[in-house]
Amino acid sequence: MLKPLGLSILIATIALPTGSQAQQAARTADLRYCAQLSELYIRYVGRSERGPSAPVKPDVNGGVALAKCHEGDAATSIPILERKLVNAGFTLPPRG
């Protein structure tokens, strides 16, 4: 018969990989969503309506969010990109 401490260690050992896998899956989903938002932002918001060769006033916050997303920092970039897209009148894609 396992003592309470031994049982706790056994449960923690079994549950740890599952929790780690869930975190990795959530991170992958966030990065995928961040990439979708980045693509929409670059295509529709980050360019001038007059065409790609027209001078565009740079949006520093949008540029930082794109760079952070590219670096894998979805937690920082997703809220910024969501706000930029919503402010531009876009409906956000489904998350997850």
C-alpha atoms as a PDB file:
ATOM      1  CA  MET A   1       0.000   0.000   0.000  1.00  0.00           C
ATOM      2  CA  LEU A   2       1.343   3.448  -0.910  1.00  0.00           C
ATOM      3  CA  LYS A   3       1.698   6.061   1.756  1.00  0.00           C
ATOM      4  CA  PRO A   4       0.182   9.505   1.052  1.00  0.00           C
ATOM      5  CA  LEU A   5       3.568  11.031   0.149  1.00  0.00           C
ATOM      6  CA  GLY A   6       4.396   8.172  -2.203  1.00  0.00           C
ATOM      7  CA  LEU A   7       0.977   8.423  -3.825  1.00  0.00           C
ATOM      8  CA  SER A   8       1.407  12.188  -4.279  1.00  0.00           C
ATOM      9  CA  ILE A   9       4.778  11.710  -5.955  1.00  0.00           C
ATOM     10  CA  LEU A  10       3.365   9.029  -8.232  1.00  0.00           C
ATOM     11  CA  ILE A  11       0.438  11.246  -9.278  1.00  0.00           C
ATOM     12  CA  ALA A  12       2.733  14.222  -9.872  1.00  0.00           C
ATOM     13  CA  THR A  13       5.073  12.094 -11.982  1.00  0.00           C
ATOM     14  CA  ILE A  14       2.227  10.855 -14.147  1.00  0.00           C
ATOM     15  CA  ALA A  15       0.487  14.240 -14.478  1.00  0.00           C
ATOM     16  CA  LEU A  16       3.619  16.294 -15.213  1.00  0.00           C
ATOM     17  CA  PRO A  17       4.112  15.238 -18.839  1.00  0.00           C
ATOM     18  CA  THR A  18       0.413  15.796 -19.562  1.00  0.00           C
ATOM     19  CA  GLY A  19       0.552  19.336 -18.182  1.00  0.00           C
ATOM     20  CA  SER A  20       3.718  20.027 -20.134  1.00  0.00           C
ATOM     21  CA  GLN A  21       2.143  18.710 -23.322  1.00  0.00           C
ATOM     22  CA  ALA A  22      -0.937  20.875 -22.774  1.00  0.00           C
ATOM     23  CA  GLN A  23       1.241  23.963 -22.295  1.00  0.00           C
ATOM     24  CA  GLN A  24       3.157  23.175 -25.488  1.00  0.00           C
ATOM     25  CA  ALA A  25      -0.084  22.690 -27.423  1.00  0.00           C
ATOM     26  CA  ALA A  26      -1.430  26.027 -26.127  1.00  0.00           C
ATOM     27  CA  ARG A  27       1.831  27.771 -27.057  1.00  0.00           C
ATOM     28  CA  THR A  28       1.705  26.289 -30.562  1.00  0.00           C
ATOM     29  CA  ALA A  29      -1.915  27.409 -30.971  1.00  0.00           C
ATOM     30  CA  ASP A  30      -0.996  30.921 -29.782  1.00  0.00           C
ATOM     31  CA  LEU A  31       1.884  31.116 -32.267  1.00  0.00           C
ATOM     32  CA  ARG A  32      -0.405  29.961 -35.073  1.00  0.00           C
ATOM     33  CA  TYR A  33      -3.015  32.583 -34.137  1.00  0.00           C
ATOM     34  CA  CYS A  34      -0.300  35.238 -33.879  1.00  0.00           C
ATOM     35  CA  ALA A  35       0.877  34.336 -37.389  1.00  0.00           C
ATOM     36  CA  GLN A  36      -2.704  34.686 -38.699  1.00  0.00           C
ATOM     37  CA  LEU A  37      -3.063  38.107 -37.095  1.00  0.00           C
ATOM     38  CA  SER A  38       0.334  39.181 -38.439  1.00  0.00           C
ATOM     39  CA  GLU A  39      -0.617  38.157 -41.952  1.00  0.00           C
ATOM     40  CA  LEU A  40      -3.894  40.091 -41.774  1.00  0.00           C
ATOM     41  CA  TYR A  41      -2.149  43.129 -40.290  1.00  0.00           C
ATOM     42  CA  ILE A  42       0.574  43.174 -42.944  1.00  0.00           C
ATOM     43  CA  ARG A  43      -1.861  42.597 -45.801  1.00  0.00           C
ATOM     44  CA  TYR A  44      -4.584  45.057 -44.857  1.00  0.00           C
ATOM     45  CA  VAL A  45      -3.539  47.449 -42.102  1.00  0.00           C
ATOM     46  CA  GLY A  46       0.207  47.859 -42.328  1.00  0.00           C
ATOM     47  CA  ARG A  47       0.131  49.097 -45.923  1.00  0.00           C
ATOM     48  CA  SER A  48      -1.159  52.230 -47.509  1.00  0.00           C
ATOM     49  CA  GLU A  49      -4.402  52.028 -49.445  1.00  0.00           C
ATOM     50  CA  ARG A  50      -2.645  53.876 -52.258  1.00  0.00           C
ATOM     51  CA  GLY A  51      -0.422  50.892 -52.963  1.00  0.00           C
ATOM     52  CA  PRO A  52       2.785  49.282 -51.745  1.00  0.00           C
ATOM     53  CA  SER A  53       5.036  51.972 -53.255  1.00  0.00           C
ATOM     54  CA  ALA A  54       3.217  54.887 -51.584  1.00  0.00           C
ATOM     55  CA  PRO A  55       4.916  56.321 -48.514  1.00  0.00           C
ATOM     56  CA  VAL A  56       3.416  54.842 -45.357  1.00  0.00           C
ATOM     57  CA  LYS A  57       3.626  56.426 -41.948  1.00  0.00           C
ATOM     58  CA  PRO A  58       5.179  53.633 -39.879  1.00  0.00           C
ATOM     59  CA  ASP A  59       3.231  52.266 -36.933  1.00  0.00           C
ATOM     60  CA  VAL A  60       5.866  51.520 -34.305  1.00  0.00           C
ATOM     61  CA  ASN A  61       3.557  49.477 -32.076  1.00  0.00           C
ATOM     62  CA  GLY A  62       2.407  47.352 -35.003  1.00  0.00           C
ATOM     63  CA  GLY A  63       6.005  46.799 -36.086  1.00  0.00           C
ATOM     64  CA  VAL A  64       7.045  45.771 -32.585  1.00  0.00           C
ATOM     65  CA  ALA A  65       4.103  43.364 -32.372  1.00  0.00           C
ATOM     66  CA  LEU A  66       5.072  41.790 -35.706  1.00  0.00           C
ATOM     67  CA  ALA A  67       8.684  41.398 -34.576  1.00  0.00           C
ATOM     68  CA  LYS A  68       7.660  39.897 -31.227  1.00  0.00           C
ATOM     69  CA  CYS A  69       5.367  37.437 -32.975  1.00  0.00           C
ATOM     70  CA  HIS A  70       8.167  36.438 -35.328  1.00  0.00           C
ATOM     71  CA  GLU A  71      10.435  35.894 -32.288  1.00  0.00           C
ATOM     72  CA  GLY A  72       7.817  33.615 -30.712  1.00  0.00           C
ATOM     73  CA  ASP A  73       6.467  36.064 -28.112  1.00  0.00           C
ATOM     74  CA  ALA A  74       2.783  35.610 -28.875  1.00  0.00           C
ATOM     75  CA  ALA A  75       1.672  36.797 -25.428  1.00  0.00           C
ATOM     76  CA  THR A  76       3.015  40.284 -26.119  1.00  0.00           C
ATOM     77  CA  SER A  77       2.013  40.606 -29.751  1.00  0.00           C
ATOM     78  CA  ILE A  78      -1.498  39.107 -29.862  1.00  0.00           C
ATOM     79  CA  PRO A  79      -3.241  41.862 -27.844  1.00  0.00           C
ATOM     80  CA  ILE A  80      -1.569  44.603 -29.900  1.00  0.00           C
ATOM     81  CA  LEU A  81      -2.390  43.012 -33.247  1.00  0.00           C
ATOM     82  CA  GLU A  82      -5.966  42.264 -32.165  1.00  0.00           C
ATOM     83  CA  ARG A  83      -6.460  45.901 -31.142  1.00  0.00           C
ATOM     84  CA  LYS A  84      -4.952  47.211 -34.402  1.00  0.00           C
ATOM     85  CA  LEU A  85      -7.183  44.957 -36.509  1.00  0.00           C
ATOM     86  CA  VAL A  86     -10.368  45.710 -34.537  1.00  0.00           C
ATOM     87  CA  ASN A  87      -9.636  49.457 -34.715  1.00  0.00           C
ATOM     88  CA  ALA A  88      -9.276  49.089 -38.485  1.00  0.00           C
ATOM     89  CA  GLY A  89     -12.742  47.483 -38.655  1.00  0.00           C
ATOM     90  CA  PHE A  90     -11.752  43.838 -39.020  1.00  0.00           C
ATOM     91  CA  THR A  91     -13.447  40.853 -37.423  1.00  0.00           C
ATOM     92  CA  LEU A  92     -10.836  38.709 -35.747  1.00  0.00           C
ATOM     93  CA  PRO A  93     -10.347  35.131 -36.941  1.00  0.00           C
ATOM     94  CA  PRO A  94     -11.413  32.363 -34.555  1.00  0.00           C
ATOM     95  CA  ARG A  95      -8.768  31.567 -31.980  1.00  0.00           C
ATOM     96  CA  GLY A  96      -7.765  27.939 -31.527  1.00  0.00           C
END
